[in-house]
Structure formats: structure tokens, C-alpha cells
PDB file of N, CA and C in Angstrom:
ATOM      1  N   UNK A   1      87.787 109.834 106.918  1.00  0.00           N
ATOM      2  CA  UNK A   1      87.519 110.024 105.380  1.00  0.00           C
ATOM      3  C   UNK A   1      86.810 111.268 105.375  1.00  0.00           C
ATOM      4  N   UNK A   2      87.502 111.973 104.274  1.00  0.00           N
ATOM      5  CA  UNK A   2      87.292 113.364 104.084  1.00  0.00           C
ATOM      6  C   UNK A   2      86.890 113.569 102.840  1.00  0.00           C
ATOM      7  N   UNK A   3      86.217 114.897 102.137  1.00  0.00           N
ATOM      8  CA  UNK A   3      85.971 115.227 100.993  1.00  0.00           C
ATOM      9  C   UNK A   3      87.461 116.141 100.551  1.00  0.00           C
ATOM     10  N   UNK A   4      87.940 115.586  99.237  1.00  0.00           N
ATOM     11  CA  UNK A   4      88.551 116.516  98.773  1.00  0.00           C
ATOM     12  C   UNK A   4      88.008 117.864  98.545  1.00  0.00           C
ATOM     13  N   UNK A   5      86.953 118.265  98.141  1.00  0.00           N
ATOM     14  CA  UNK A   5      86.256 119.017  97.321  1.00  0.00           C
ATOM     15  C   UNK A   5      86.064 120.339  98.992  1.00  0.00           C
ATOM     16  N   UNK A   6      85.167 119.729  99.341  1.00  0.00           N
ATOM     17  CA  UNK A   6      84.999 120.665 100.490  1.00  0.00           C
ATOM     18  C   UNK A   6      85.218 120.690 101.872  1.00  0.00           C
ATOM     19  N   UNK A   7      86.233 119.512 101.842  1.00  0.00           N
ATOM     20  CA  UNK A   7      87.084 119.340 103.355  1.00  0.00           C
ATOM     21  C   UNK A   7      86.150 118.606 104.467  1.00  0.00           C
ATOM     22  N   UNK A   8      84.619 118.431 104.421  1.00  0.00           N
ATOM     23  CA  UNK A   8      83.590 117.829 105.365  1.00  0.00           C
ATOM     24  C   UNK A   8      84.643 116.390 105.993  1.00  0.00           C
ATOM     25  N   UNK A   9      84.595 115.903 106.901  1.00  0.00           N
ATOM     26  CA  UNK A   9      84.944 114.389 107.579  1.00  0.00           C
ATOM     27  C   UNK A   9      83.472 113.564 107.820  1.00  0.00           C
ATOM     28  N   UNK A  10      83.884 111.978 107.364  1.00  0.00           N
ATOM     29  CA  UNK A  10      82.802 111.198 107.251  1.00  0.00           C
ATOM     30  C   UNK A  10      83.381 110.358 107.860  1.00  0.00           C
ATOM     31  N   UNK A  11      82.517 109.308 108.337  1.00  0.00           N
ATOM     32  CA  UNK A  11      82.513 108.304 108.987  1.00  0.00           C
ATOM     33  C   UNK A  11      83.457 107.406 107.753  1.00  0.00           C
ATOM     34  N   UNK A  12      84.474 106.516 108.821  1.00  0.00           N
ATOM     35  CA  UNK A  12      84.994 105.282 107.864  1.00  0.00           C
ATOM     36  C   UNK A  12      84.205 104.514 107.175  1.00  0.00           C
ATOM     37  N   UNK A  13      83.178 104.145 107.274  1.00  0.00           N
ATOM     38  CA  UNK A  13      82.391 103.593 106.358  1.00  0.00           C
ATOM     39  C   UNK A  13      81.911 103.912 104.367  1.00  0.00           C
ATOM     40  N   UNK A  14      82.094 105.539 104.925  1.00  0.00           N
ATOM     41  CA  UNK A  14      81.362 106.299 104.537  1.00  0.00           C
ATOM     42  C   UNK A  14      82.245 106.684 102.635  1.00  0.00           C
ATOM     43  N   UNK A  15      82.547 106.152 101.444  1.00  0.00           N
ATOM     44  CA  UNK A  15      83.230 106.424 100.536  1.00  0.00           C
ATOM     45  C   UNK A  15      82.862 107.281  99.585  1.00  0.00           C
ATOM     46  N   UNK A  16      81.700 108.201 100.130  1.00  0.00           N
ATOM     47  CA  UNK A  16      81.716 109.311  98.760  1.00  0.00           C
ATOM     48  C   UNK A  16      80.765 110.499  99.688  1.00  0.00           C
ATOM     49  N   UNK A  17      81.317 112.029  99.449  1.00  0.00           N
ATOM     50  CA  UNK A  17      80.766 112.930  99.826  1.00  0.00           C
ATOM     51  C   UNK A  17      79.624 113.171  99.515  1.00  0.00           C
ATOM     52  N   UNK A  18      78.298 113.333 100.497  1.00  0.00           N
ATOM     53  CA  UNK A  18      77.033 113.335 100.054  1.00  0.00           C
ATOM     54  C   UNK A  18      76.493 114.798  99.746  1.00  0.00           C
ATOM     55  N   UNK A  19      77.040 116.330  99.813  1.00  0.00           N
ATOM     56  CA  UNK A  19      77.393 116.965  99.581  1.00  0.00           C
ATOM     57  C   UNK A  19      77.768 117.465  97.676  1.00  0.00           C
ATOM     58  N   UNK A  20      79.388 117.130  97.737  1.00  0.00           N
ATOM     59  CA  UNK A  20      79.817 117.321  96.393  1.00  0.00           C
ATOM     60  C   UNK A  20      79.567 116.174  95.259  1.00  0.00           C
ATOM     61  N   UNK A  21      79.344 114.588  96.064  1.00  0.00           N
ATOM     62  CA  UNK A  21      79.367 113.331  94.834  1.00  0.00           C
ATOM     63  C   UNK A  21      81.060 112.858  94.259  1.00  0.00           C
ATOM     64  N   UNK A  22      81.974 113.513  95.171  1.00  0.00           N
ATOM     65  CA  UNK A  22      83.691 112.783  94.564  1.00  0.00           C
ATOM     66  C   UNK A  22      83.787 112.134  95.805  1.00  0.00           C
ATOM     67  N   UNK A  23      84.763 111.072  95.409  1.00  0.00           N
ATOM     68  CA  UNK A  23      85.495 109.956  96.138  1.00  0.00           C
ATOM     69  C   UNK A  23      86.053 110.593  97.688  1.00  0.00           C
ATOM     70  N   UNK A  24      85.548 110.186  98.540  1.00  0.00           N
ATOM     71  CA  UNK A  24      86.828 110.829 100.140  1.00  0.00           C
ATOM     72  C   UNK A  24      88.144 110.006  99.866  1.00  0.00           C
ATOM     73  N   UNK A  25      89.115 111.071 100.882  1.00  0.00           N
ATOM     74  CA  UNK A  25      90.212 110.300 100.904  1.00  0.00           C
ATOM     75  C   UNK A  25      90.758 110.173 102.374  1.00  0.00           C
ATOM     76  N   UNK A  26      91.456 109.615 102.144  1.00  0.00           N
ATOM     77  CA  UNK A  26      91.761 108.827 104.020  1.00  0.00           C
ATOM     78  C   UNK A  26      92.247 110.380 104.899  1.00  0.00           C
ATOM     79  N   UNK A  27      93.495 111.300 103.983  1.00  0.00           N
ATOM     80  CA  UNK A  27      93.749 112.522 104.837  1.00  0.00           C
ATOM     81  C   UNK A  27      92.624 113.413 104.397  1.00  0.00           C
ATOM     82  N   UNK A  28      93.115 114.819 105.249  1.00  0.00           N
ATOM     83  CA  UNK A  28      91.932 115.863 105.299  1.00  0.00           C
ATOM     84  C   UNK A  28      92.682 116.854 104.536  1.00  0.00           C
ATOM     85  N   UNK A  29      92.120 117.267 103.624  1.00  0.00           N
ATOM     86  CA  UNK A  29      92.842 118.271 102.463  1.00  0.00           C
ATOM     87  C   UNK A  29      93.378 119.537 103.046  1.00  0.00           C
ATOM     88  N   UNK A  30      93.133 119.624 104.459  1.00  0.00           N
ATOM     89  CA  UNK A  30      93.725 120.805 104.969  1.00  0.00           C
ATOM     90  C   UNK A  30      95.190 120.497 106.052  1.00  0.00           C
ATOM     91  N   UNK A  31      94.705 118.726 106.254  1.00  0.00           N
ATOM     92  CA  UNK A  31      95.668 118.375 107.074  1.00  0.00           C
ATOM     93  C   UNK A  31      97.699 118.465 106.610  1.00  0.00           C
ATOM     94  N   UNK A  32      98.335 119.176 107.482  1.00  0.00           N
ATOM     95  CA  UNK A  32      99.482 119.376 106.863  1.00  0.00           C
ATOM     96  C   UNK A  32      99.783 120.255 105.803  1.00  0.00           C
ATOM     97  N   UNK A  33      98.723 120.635 105.450  1.00  0.00           N
ATOM     98  CA  UNK A  33      99.002 121.811 104.277  1.00  0.00           C
ATOM     99  C   UNK A  33      98.821 122.883 105.184  1.00  0.00           C
ATOM    100  N   UNK A  34      98.770 123.856 103.769  1.00  0.00           N
ATOM    101  CA  UNK A  34      98.983 125.367 104.446  1.00  0.00           C
ATOM    102  C   UNK A  34      97.165 126.345 104.681  1.00  0.00           C
ATOM    103  N   UNK A  35      97.501 126.747 105.353  1.00  0.00           N
ATOM    104  CA  UNK A  35      95.789 127.468 106.035  1.00  0.00           C
ATOM    105  C   UNK A  35      94.993 127.354 104.956  1.00  0.00           C
ATOM    106  N   UNK A  36      93.535 128.016 105.455  1.00  0.00           N
ATOM    107  CA  UNK A  36      93.121 128.377 103.676  1.00  0.00           C
ATOM    108  C   UNK A  36      92.640 130.064 104.620  1.00  0.00           C
ATOM    109  N   UNK A  37      92.545 130.585 103.279  1.00  0.00           N
ATOM    110  CA  UNK A  37      92.449 132.047 102.631  1.00  0.00           C
ATOM    111  C   UNK A  37      91.348 132.243 101.852  1.00  0.00           C
ATOM    112  N   UNK A  38      90.408 133.158 101.971  1.00  0.00           N
ATOM    113  CA  UNK A  38      89.339 133.629 101.120  1.00  0.00           C
ATOM    114  C   UNK A  38      90.035 133.960  99.831  1.00  0.00           C
ATOM    115  N   UNK A  39      89.544 133.462  98.452  1.00  0.00           N
ATOM    116  CA  UNK A  39      89.323 133.241  97.574  1.00  0.00           C
ATOM    117  C   UNK A  39      88.425 134.613  96.844  1.00  0.00           C
ATOM    118  N   UNK A  40      87.459 134.420  97.168  1.00  0.00           N
ATOM    119  CA  UNK A  40      86.264 134.980  96.736  1.00  0.00           C
ATOM    120  C   UNK A  40      85.240 135.160  97.715  1.00  0.00           C
ATOM    121  N   UNK A  41      84.549 136.550  97.950  1.00  0.00           N
ATOM    122  CA  UNK A  41      83.285 136.658  98.794  1.00  0.00           C
ATOM    123  C   UNK A  41      82.312 137.432  97.337  1.00  0.00           C
ATOM    124  N   UNK A  42      81.040 136.396  97.692  1.00  0.00           N
ATOM    125  CA  UNK A  42      80.098 136.750  97.072  1.00  0.00           C
ATOM    126  C   UNK A  42      78.485 136.923  97.520  1.00  0.00           C
ATOM    127  N   UNK A  43      77.619 137.680  96.986  1.00  0.00           N
ATOM    128  CA  UNK A  43      76.627 137.403  97.428  1.00  0.00           C
ATOM    129  C   UNK A  43      75.711 136.434  96.428  1.00  0.00           C
ATOM    130  N   UNK A  44      75.844 135.864  95.419  1.00  0.00           N
ATOM    131  CA  UNK A  44      75.685 135.712  94.188  1.00  0.00           C
ATOM    132  C   UNK A  44      75.648 134.355  94.120  1.00  0.00           C
ATOM    133  N   UNK A  45      74.327 133.792  94.567  1.00  0.00           N
ATOM    134  CA  UNK A  45      74.542 132.332  94.562  1.00  0.00           C
ATOM    135  C   UNK A  45      74.911 131.598  92.830  1.00  0.00           C
ATOM    136  N   UNK A  46      74.773 132.270  91.850  1.00  0.00           N
ATOM    137  CA  UNK A  46      75.170 131.549  90.177  1.00  0.00           C
ATOM    138  C   UNK A  46      76.532 131.595  90.499  1.00  0.00           C
ATOM    139  N   UNK A  47      77.081 132.874  90.895  1.00  0.00           N
ATOM    140  CA  UNK A  47      78.353 132.834  90.627  1.00  0.00           C
ATOM    141  C   UNK A  47      79.022 132.061  91.550  1.00  0.00           C
ATOM    142  N   UNK A  48      79.309 131.922  93.220  1.00  0.00           N
ATOM    143  CA  UNK A  48      79.116 130.987  93.418  1.00  0.00           C
ATOM    144  C   UNK A  48      79.696 128.908  93.128  1.00  0.00           C
ATOM    145  N   UNK A  49      78.048 129.177  92.453  1.00  0.00           N
ATOM    146  CA  UNK A  49      77.751 127.465  91.964  1.00  0.00           C
ATOM    147  C   UNK A  49      79.195 127.455  90.554  1.00  0.00           C
ATOM    148  N   UNK A  50      79.170 128.689  89.695  1.00  0.00           N
ATOM    149  CA  UNK A  50      80.476 128.566  88.937  1.00  0.00           C
ATOM    150  C   UNK A  50      81.836 128.708  89.233  1.00  0.00           C
ATOM    151  N   UNK A  51      81.949 129.191  90.209  1.00  0.00           N
ATOM    152  CA  UNK A  51      83.441 129.330  90.995  1.00  0.00           C
ATOM    153  C   UNK A  51      83.707 127.992  91.307  1.00  0.00           C
ATOM    154  N   UNK A  52      82.788 127.346  92.458  1.00  0.00           N
ATOM    155  CA  UNK A  52      83.086 125.711  92.389  1.00  0.00           C
ATOM    156  C   UNK A  52      83.118 125.228  91.682  1.00  0.00           C
ATOM    157  N   UNK A  53      82.548 125.110  90.808  1.00  0.00           N
ATOM    158  CA  UNK A  53      82.513 124.094  89.848  1.00  0.00           C
ATOM    159  C   UNK A  53      84.307 124.188  89.052  1.00  0.00           C
ATOM    160  N   UNK A  54      84.376 125.646  88.936  1.00  0.00           N
ATOM    161  CA  UNK A  54      85.809 125.543  88.397  1.00  0.00           C
ATOM    162  C   UNK A  54      86.796 124.561  89.084  1.00  0.00           C
ATOM    163  N   UNK A  55      86.626 125.377  90.502  1.00  0.00           N
ATOM    164  CA  UNK A  55      87.545 124.560  91.178  1.00  0.00           C
ATOM    165  C   UNK A  55      87.882 122.925  91.432  1.00  0.00           C
ATOM    166  N   UNK A  56      86.833 122.477  91.586  1.00  0.00           N
ATOM    167  CA  UNK A  56      86.123 121.329  91.521  1.00  0.00           C
ATOM    168  C   UNK A  56      87.781 120.527  90.389  1.00  0.00           C
ATOM    169  N   UNK A  57      86.625 121.395  89.180  1.00  0.00           N
ATOM    170  CA  UNK A  57      86.991 120.389  87.669  1.00  0.00           C
ATOM    171  C   UNK A  57      88.889 121.428  87.495  1.00  0.00           C
ATOM    172  N   UNK A  58      89.191 121.502  88.262  1.00  0.00           N
ATOM    173  CA  UNK A  58      90.726 121.404  88.656  1.00  0.00           C
ATOM    174  C   UNK A  58      91.621 120.925  89.645  1.00  0.00           C
ATOM    175  N   UNK A  59      90.798 120.197  90.518  1.00  0.00           N
ATOM    176  CA  UNK A  59      90.973 119.785  91.529  1.00  0.00           C
ATOM    177  C   UNK A  59      91.745 120.330  92.730  1.00  0.00           C
ATOM    178  N   UNK A  60      91.018 121.481  92.625  1.00  0.00           N
ATOM    179  CA  UNK A  60      91.993 122.305  94.187  1.00  0.00           C
ATOM    180  C   UNK A  60      90.847 122.326  95.066  1.00  0.00           C
ATOM    181  N   UNK A  61      90.941 122.376  96.172  1.00  0.00           N
ATOM    182  CA  UNK A  61      90.953 122.428  97.725  1.00  0.00           C
ATOM    183  C   UNK A  61      89.926 123.308  97.997  1.00  0.00           C
ATOM    184  N   UNK A  62      88.904 122.816  97.955  1.00  0.00           N
ATOM    185  CA  UNK A  62      88.006 124.166  98.438  1.00  0.00           C
ATOM    186  C   UNK A  62      86.918 124.098  99.513  1.00  0.00           C
ATOM    187  N   UNK A  63      86.316 124.935 100.111  1.00  0.00           N
ATOM    188  CA  UNK A  63      85.144 124.492 101.166  1.00  0.00           C
ATOM    189  C   UNK A  63      84.732 126.496 101.608  1.00  0.00           C
ATOM    190  N   UNK A  64      83.313 126.628 101.238  1.00  0.00           N
ATOM    191  CA  UNK A  64      82.453 127.715 101.561  1.00  0.00           C
ATOM    192  C   UNK A  64      81.726 127.659 102.835  1.00  0.00           C
ATOM    193  N   UNK A  65      81.770 128.868 103.058  1.00  0.00           N
ATOM    194  CA  UNK A  65      81.807 129.701 104.542  1.00  0.00           C
ATOM    195  C   UNK A  65      80.442 130.513 104.247  1.00  0.00           C
ATOM    196  N   UNK A  66      79.351 130.725 104.718  1.00  0.00           N
ATOM    197  CA  UNK A  66      78.083 131.082 104.890  1.00  0.00           C
ATOM    198  C   UNK A  66      77.559 130.889 103.422  1.00  0.00           C
ATOM    199  N   UNK A  67      77.383 129.802 102.949  1.00  0.00           N
ATOM    200  CA  UNK A  67      76.011 129.224 101.813  1.00  0.00           C
ATOM    201  C   UNK A  67      74.966 129.559 102.281  1.00  0.00           C
ATOM    202  N   UNK A  68      74.727 129.172 103.240  1.00  0.00           N
ATOM    203  CA  UNK A  68      73.508 128.917 103.685  1.00  0.00           C
ATOM    204  C   UNK A  68      72.328 130.017 104.070  1.00  0.00           C
ATOM    205  N   UNK A  69      73.400 131.120 103.947  1.00  0.00           N
ATOM    206  CA  UNK A  69      72.489 132.562 104.269  1.00  0.00           C
ATOM    207  C   UNK A  69      72.262 132.996 102.770  1.00  0.00           C
ATOM    208  N   UNK A  70      73.052 132.449 102.031  1.00  0.00           N
ATOM    209  CA  UNK A  70      72.413 133.038 100.976  1.00  0.00           C
ATOM    210  C   UNK A  70      70.859 132.741 100.238  1.00  0.00           C
ATOM    211  N   UNK A  71      70.388 131.914 100.743  1.00  0.00           N
ATOM    212  CA  UNK A  71      69.306 131.438 100.993  1.00  0.00           C
ATOM    213  C   UNK A  71      67.939 131.680 101.748  1.00  0.00           C
ATOM    214  N   UNK A  72      68.610 132.997 102.651  1.00  0.00           N
ATOM    215  CA  UNK A  72      67.611 133.378 103.476  1.00  0.00           C
ATOM    216  C   UNK A  72      66.607 134.588 102.587  1.00  0.00           C
ATOM    217  N   UNK A  73      65.671 134.609 102.798  1.00  0.00           N
ATOM    218  CA  UNK A  73      64.750 135.824 101.693  1.00  0.00           C
ATOM    219  C   UNK A  73      65.403 137.391 102.607  1.00  0.00           C
ATOM    220  N   UNK A  74      65.483 138.186 102.041  1.00  0.00           N
ATOM    221  CA  UNK A  74      65.516 139.508 102.579  1.00  0.00           C
ATOM    222  C   UNK A  74      64.351 140.037 103.149  1.00  0.00           C
ATOM    223  N   UNK A  75      64.743 140.671 104.491  1.00  0.00           N
ATOM    224  CA  UNK A  75      64.130 141.223 105.919  1.00  0.00           C
ATOM    225  C   UNK A  75      64.331 142.474 106.075  1.00  0.00           C
ATOM    226  N   UNK A  76      63.765 143.466 105.996  1.00  0.00           N
ATOM    227  CA  UNK A  76      63.351 144.758 106.643  1.00  0.00           C
ATOM    228  C   UNK A  76      63.998 145.708 105.566  1.00  0.00           C
ATOM    229  N   UNK A  77      64.051 145.328 104.424  1.00  0.00           N
ATOM    230  CA  UNK A  77      63.915 146.583 103.370  1.00  0.00           C
ATOM    231  C   UNK A  77      66.271 146.091 103.294  1.00  0.00           C
ATOM    232  N   UNK A  78      66.142 147.350 102.342  1.00  0.00           N
ATOM    233  CA  UNK A  78      67.815 146.962 102.072  1.00  0.00           C
ATOM    234  C   UNK A  78      68.535 147.623 102.990  1.00  0.00           C
ATOM    235  N   UNK A  79      68.578 147.944 104.544  1.00  0.00           N
ATOM    236  CA  UNK A  79      69.395 147.942 105.150  1.00  0.00           C
ATOM    237  C   UNK A  79      69.073 147.347 106.353  1.00  0.00           C
ATOM    238  N   UNK A  80      68.207 146.500 106.380  1.00  0.00           N
ATOM    239  CA  UNK A  80      68.308 145.373 107.498  1.00  0.00           C
ATOM    240  C   UNK A  80      69.795 144.436 107.918  1.00  0.00           C
ATOM    241  N   UNK A  81      69.326 143.930 108.227  1.00  0.00           N
ATOM    242  CA  UNK A  81      70.730 142.464 109.126  1.00  0.00           C
ATOM    243  C   UNK A  81      70.296 141.434 107.876  1.00  0.00           C
ATOM    244  N   UNK A  82      68.700 141.121 108.008  1.00  0.00           N
ATOM    245  CA  UNK A  82      69.107 139.675 107.077  1.00  0.00           C
ATOM    246  C   UNK A  82      68.736 140.683 105.447  1.00  0.00           C
ATOM    247  N   UNK A  83      68.932 141.711 105.384  1.00  0.00           N
ATOM    248  CA  UNK A  83      69.327 141.838 103.428  1.00  0.00           C
ATOM    249  C   UNK A  83      70.067 141.438 103.087  1.00  0.00           C
ATOM    250  N   UNK A  84      69.787 140.721 101.490  1.00  0.00           N
ATOM    251  CA  UNK A  84      70.784 140.196 100.651  1.00  0.00           C
ATOM    252  C   UNK A  84      72.314 140.881 100.616  1.00  0.00           C
ATOM    253  N   UNK A  85      71.731 142.499 100.515  1.00  0.00           N
ATOM    254  CA  UNK A  85      72.811 143.158 100.343  1.00  0.00           C
ATOM    255  C   UNK A  85      74.003 142.853 101.276  1.00  0.00           C
ATOM    256  N   UNK A  86      73.734 142.367 102.253  1.00  0.00           N
ATOM    257  CA  UNK A  86      74.593 142.456 103.751  1.00  0.00           C
ATOM    258  C   UNK A  86      75.347 140.986 103.798  1.00  0.00           C
ATOM    259  N   UNK A  87      75.027 140.075 102.796  1.00  0.00           N
ATOM    260  CA  UNK A  87      74.891 138.465 103.071  1.00  0.00           C
ATOM    261  C   UNK A  87      75.997 137.969 101.863  1.00  0.00           C
ATOM    262  N   UNK A  88      77.159 137.316 102.242  1.00  0.00           N
ATOM    263  CA  UNK A  88      77.768 136.864 100.969  1.00  0.00           C
ATOM    264  C   UNK A  88      78.464 135.356 102.047  1.00  0.00           C
ATOM    265  N   UNK A  89      78.841 134.362 100.805  1.00  0.00           N
ATOM    266  CA  UNK A  89      79.585 133.949 101.094  1.00  0.00           C
ATOM    267  C   UNK A  89      81.063 133.480 101.102  1.00  0.00           C
ATOM    268  N   UNK A  90      82.101 132.951 101.868  1.00  0.00           N
ATOM    269  CA  UNK A  90      83.327 133.069 101.300  1.00  0.00           C
ATOM    270  C   UNK A  90      84.154 131.989 100.412  1.00  0.00           C
ATOM    271  N   UNK A  91      84.571 131.859  99.384  1.00  0.00           N
ATOM    272  CA  UNK A  91      85.046 130.746  99.253  1.00  0.00           C
ATOM    273  C   UNK A  91      86.519 130.334  99.610  1.00  0.00           C
ATOM    274  N   UNK A  92      87.039 129.504 100.662  1.00  0.00           N
ATOM    275  CA  UNK A  92      88.210 129.681 101.036  1.00  0.00           C
ATOM    276  C   UNK A  92      89.042 128.517 100.133  1.00  0.00           C
ATOM    277  N   UNK A  93      90.384 128.602 100.354  1.00  0.00           N
ATOM    278  CA  UNK A  93      91.153 127.451  99.476  1.00  0.00           C
ATOM    279  C   UNK A  93      92.496 127.341 100.313  1.00  0.00           C
ATOM    280  N   UNK A  94      93.045 126.355 100.315  1.00  0.00           N
ATOM    281  CA  UNK A  94      94.343 126.515 101.006  1.00  0.00           C
ATOM    282  C   UNK A  94      95.478 127.764 100.462  1.00  0.00           C
ATOM    283  N   UNK A  95      96.131 128.065 101.373  1.00  0.00           N
ATOM    284  CA  UNK A  95      97.400 129.272 101.160  1.00  0.00           C
ATOM    285  C   UNK A  95      98.209 128.771  99.573  1.00  0.00           C
ATOM    286  N   UNK A  96      98.514 127.320 100.134  1.00  0.00           N
ATOM    287  CA  UNK A  96      99.148 127.392  98.858  1.00  0.00           C
ATOM    288  C   UNK A  96      98.850 126.830  97.787  1.00  0.00           C
ATOM    289  N   UNK A  97      97.423 127.295  97.531  1.00  0.00           N
ATOM    290  CA  UNK A  97      96.602 126.702  95.988  1.00  0.00           C
ATOM    291  C   UNK A  97      96.323 128.153  95.804  1.00  0.00           C
ATOM    292  N   UNK A  98      96.231 129.202  96.623  1.00  0.00           N
ATOM    293  CA  UNK A  98      95.763 130.552  95.974  1.00  0.00           C
ATOM    294  C   UNK A  98      96.223 131.130  95.109  1.00  0.00           C
ATOM    295  N   UNK A  99      96.879 131.082  94.502  1.00  0.00           N
ATOM    296  CA  UNK A  99      97.531 131.775  93.292  1.00  0.00           C
ATOM    297  C   UNK A  99      97.132 130.676  92.054  1.00  0.00           C
ATOM    298  N   UNK A 100      96.661 129.863  92.157  1.00  0.00           N
ATOM    299  CA  UNK A 100      96.640 128.449  91.256  1.00  0.00           C
ATOM    300  C   UNK A 100      94.872 128.881  90.503  1.00  0.00           C
ATOM    301  N   UNK A 101      94.228 128.987  91.923  1.00  0.00           N
ATOM    302  CA  UNK A 101      93.739 129.455  91.821  1.00  0.00           C
ATOM    303  C   UNK A 101      92.761 130.460  91.356  1.00  0.00           C
ATOM    304  N   UNK A 102      93.233 131.679  91.580  1.00  0.00           N
ATOM    305  CA  UNK A 102      92.938 133.006  90.511  1.00  0.00           C
ATOM    306  C   UNK A 102      93.443 132.851  89.440  1.00  0.00           C
ATOM    307  N   UNK A 103      94.690 132.572  89.336  1.00  0.00           N
ATOM    308  CA  UNK A 103      94.389 131.951  87.745  1.00  0.00           C
ATOM    309  C   UNK A 103      93.339 131.118  86.661  1.00  0.00           C
ATOM    310  N   UNK A 104      93.025 130.109  87.786  1.00  0.00           N
ATOM    311  CA  UNK A 104      91.857 129.084  87.039  1.00  0.00           C
ATOM    312  C   UNK A 104      90.599 130.464  87.051  1.00  0.00           C
ATOM    313  N   UNK A 105      90.248 131.516  87.354  1.00  0.00           N
ATOM    314  CA  UNK A 105      88.779 132.227  88.271  1.00  0.00           C
ATOM    315  C   UNK A 105      89.124 133.462  86.784  1.00  0.00           C
ATOM    316  N   UNK A 106      90.489 133.572  86.775  1.00  0.00           N
ATOM    317  CA  UNK A 106      90.579 134.826  86.158  1.00  0.00           C
ATOM    318  C   UNK A 106      90.604 134.835  84.270  1.00  0.00           C
ATOM    319  N   UNK A 107      90.890 133.282  83.840  1.00  0.00           N
ATOM    320  CA  UNK A 107      91.385 132.861  82.713  1.00  0.00           C
ATOM    321  C   UNK A 107      89.435 132.174  81.950  1.00  0.00           C
ATOM    322  N   UNK A 108      88.515 132.731  83.480  1.00  0.00           N
ATOM    323  CA  UNK A 108      87.162 132.354  82.495  1.00  0.00           C
ATOM    324  C   UNK A 108      86.991 134.135  82.415  1.00  0.00           C
ATOM    325  N   UNK A 109      87.483 134.667  82.338  1.00  0.00           N
ATOM    326  CA  UNK A 109      86.945 136.401  82.727  1.00  0.00           C
ATOM    327  C   UNK A 109      86.834 136.667  80.861  1.00  0.00           C
ATOM    328  N   UNK A 110      85.913 136.933  80.172  1.00  0.00           N
ATOM    329  CA  UNK A 110      86.479 137.102  78.826  1.00  0.00           C
ATOM    330  C   UNK A 110      86.614 138.849  79.220  1.00  0.00           C
ATOM    331  N   UNK A 111      87.361 139.127  77.798  1.00  0.00           N
ATOM    332  CA  UNK A 111      88.063 140.311  77.601  1.00  0.00           C
ATOM    333  C   UNK A 111      87.115 140.989  77.338  1.00  0.00           C
ATOM    334  N   UNK A 112      86.874 142.713  78.207  1.00  0.00           N
ATOM    335  CA  UNK A 112      85.838 143.351  77.558  1.00  0.00           C
ATOM    336  C   UNK A 112      86.123 143.525  76.142  1.00  0.00           C
ATOM    337  N   UNK A 113      85.428 143.322  75.291  1.00  0.00           N
ATOM    338  CA  UNK A 113      85.367 143.964  73.959  1.00  0.00           C
ATOM    339  C   UNK A 113      85.605 145.508  73.081  1.00  0.00           C
ATOM    340  N   UNK A 114      84.955 146.308  74.602  1.00  0.00           N
ATOM    341  CA  UNK A 114      84.740 147.963  73.925  1.00  0.00           C
ATOM    342  C   UNK A 114      85.328 148.290  75.222  1.00  0.00           C
ATOM    343  N   UNK A 115      85.803 148.372  75.740  1.00  0.00           N
ATOM    344  CA  UNK A 115      87.011 148.631  77.309  1.00  0.00           C
ATOM    345  C   UNK A 115      86.684 150.432  77.322  1.00  0.00           C
ATOM    346  N   UNK A 116      86.078 150.860  78.088  1.00  0.00           N
ATOM    347  CA  UNK A 116      85.698 152.170  78.150  1.00  0.00           C
ATOM    348  C   UNK A 116      87.262 152.774  78.423  1.00  0.00           C
ATOM    349  N   UNK A 117      87.460 154.433  78.070  1.00  0.00           N
ATOM    350  CA  UNK A 117      88.923 154.661  78.176  1.00  0.00           C
ATOM    351  C   UNK A 117      89.242 155.467  79.836  1.00  0.00           C
ATOM    352  N   UNK A 118      90.155 155.345  80.156  1.00  0.00           N
ATOM    353  CA  UNK A 118      90.148 155.340  81.633  1.00  0.00           C
ATOM    354  C   UNK A 118      89.462 157.103  81.766  1.00  0.00           C
ATOM    355  N   UNK A 119      89.519 157.158  83.102  1.00  0.00           N
ATOM    356  CA  UNK A 119      89.128 158.995  82.866  1.00  0.00           C
ATOM    357  C   UNK A 119      90.645 159.980  83.094  1.00  0.00           C
ATOM    358  N   UNK A 120      90.654 160.629  82.298  1.00  0.00           N
ATOM    359  CA  UNK A 120      91.739 161.661  81.508  1.00  0.00           C
ATOM    360  C   UNK A 120      92.804 161.187  80.762  1.00  0.00           C
ATOM    361  N   UNK A 121      92.619 160.206  80.019  1.00  0.00           N
ATOM    362  CA  UNK A 121      93.544 159.115  79.358  1.00  0.00           C
ATOM    363  C   UNK A 121      93.035 159.817  77.798  1.00  0.00           C
ATOM    364  N   UNK A 122      92.059 160.824  77.617  1.00  0.00           N
ATOM    365  CA  UNK A 122      91.423 161.178  76.874  1.00  0.00           C
ATOM    366  C   UNK A 122      92.299 162.408  76.118  1.00  0.00           C
TER     367      UNK A 122
END
């Protein structure tokens, strides 16, 4: 059994994803479909939560790599290996759903009410 949201695999007797809370399906969301590609990389846990919610609401299969690293404490200042600036999570979607996923995210970005002029356009 597989989660259609995050792609996690479960034993047959499990019927709901422990992480996402959605009903499981018998076939892997990646099985027979296209390869996963990166939709977005972000170090922001709030942005990551919003993106995951939007994709789930639209039924777009996705999974996240590196989410656990976002919860680490920054160590060794701004330039260290464990610095928050160096950590990010990647949201991946099947390649055949990438355009739709981009459309979903783009629809959520409000237009800039007071855009700054392009340099040299004045």
C-alpha cells in the first residue's frame, strides 16, 4: 500500500498514511509514471507547509526530501555546515505533473500592487 500524497510505502493491513492522514492506494504513485523532478527548494518551513497543502488539495502527487534538516538548530554561525542558510528541502513531483504543480503555485502568488520600475525603463 502506498500514500498517494507522499509516496510512502506501508504494509497491506495499513489503510491510512501516518504522516499525511490520507487513505492509501494499492499502486505506487511513482509506479509506471514519470520520474520525480524538483518543483521547489526552500529553507522556509512555513512556505513548505503551504506548498504541500496546495499540492495535496489539488491531488498532485509529491514528496519532500530534506524536510527533517529544516528543524535542525543553526550551528557555527552563518557560514557553518549546519547553518540555516545552507539547509533546504526539495519538493518533488512526477515530471508529467510539473506544469500543473507550477500553475497551482503561481495562482497563489498575489500580484504586486506597486511594482518597481525595471532599471533603465524610466
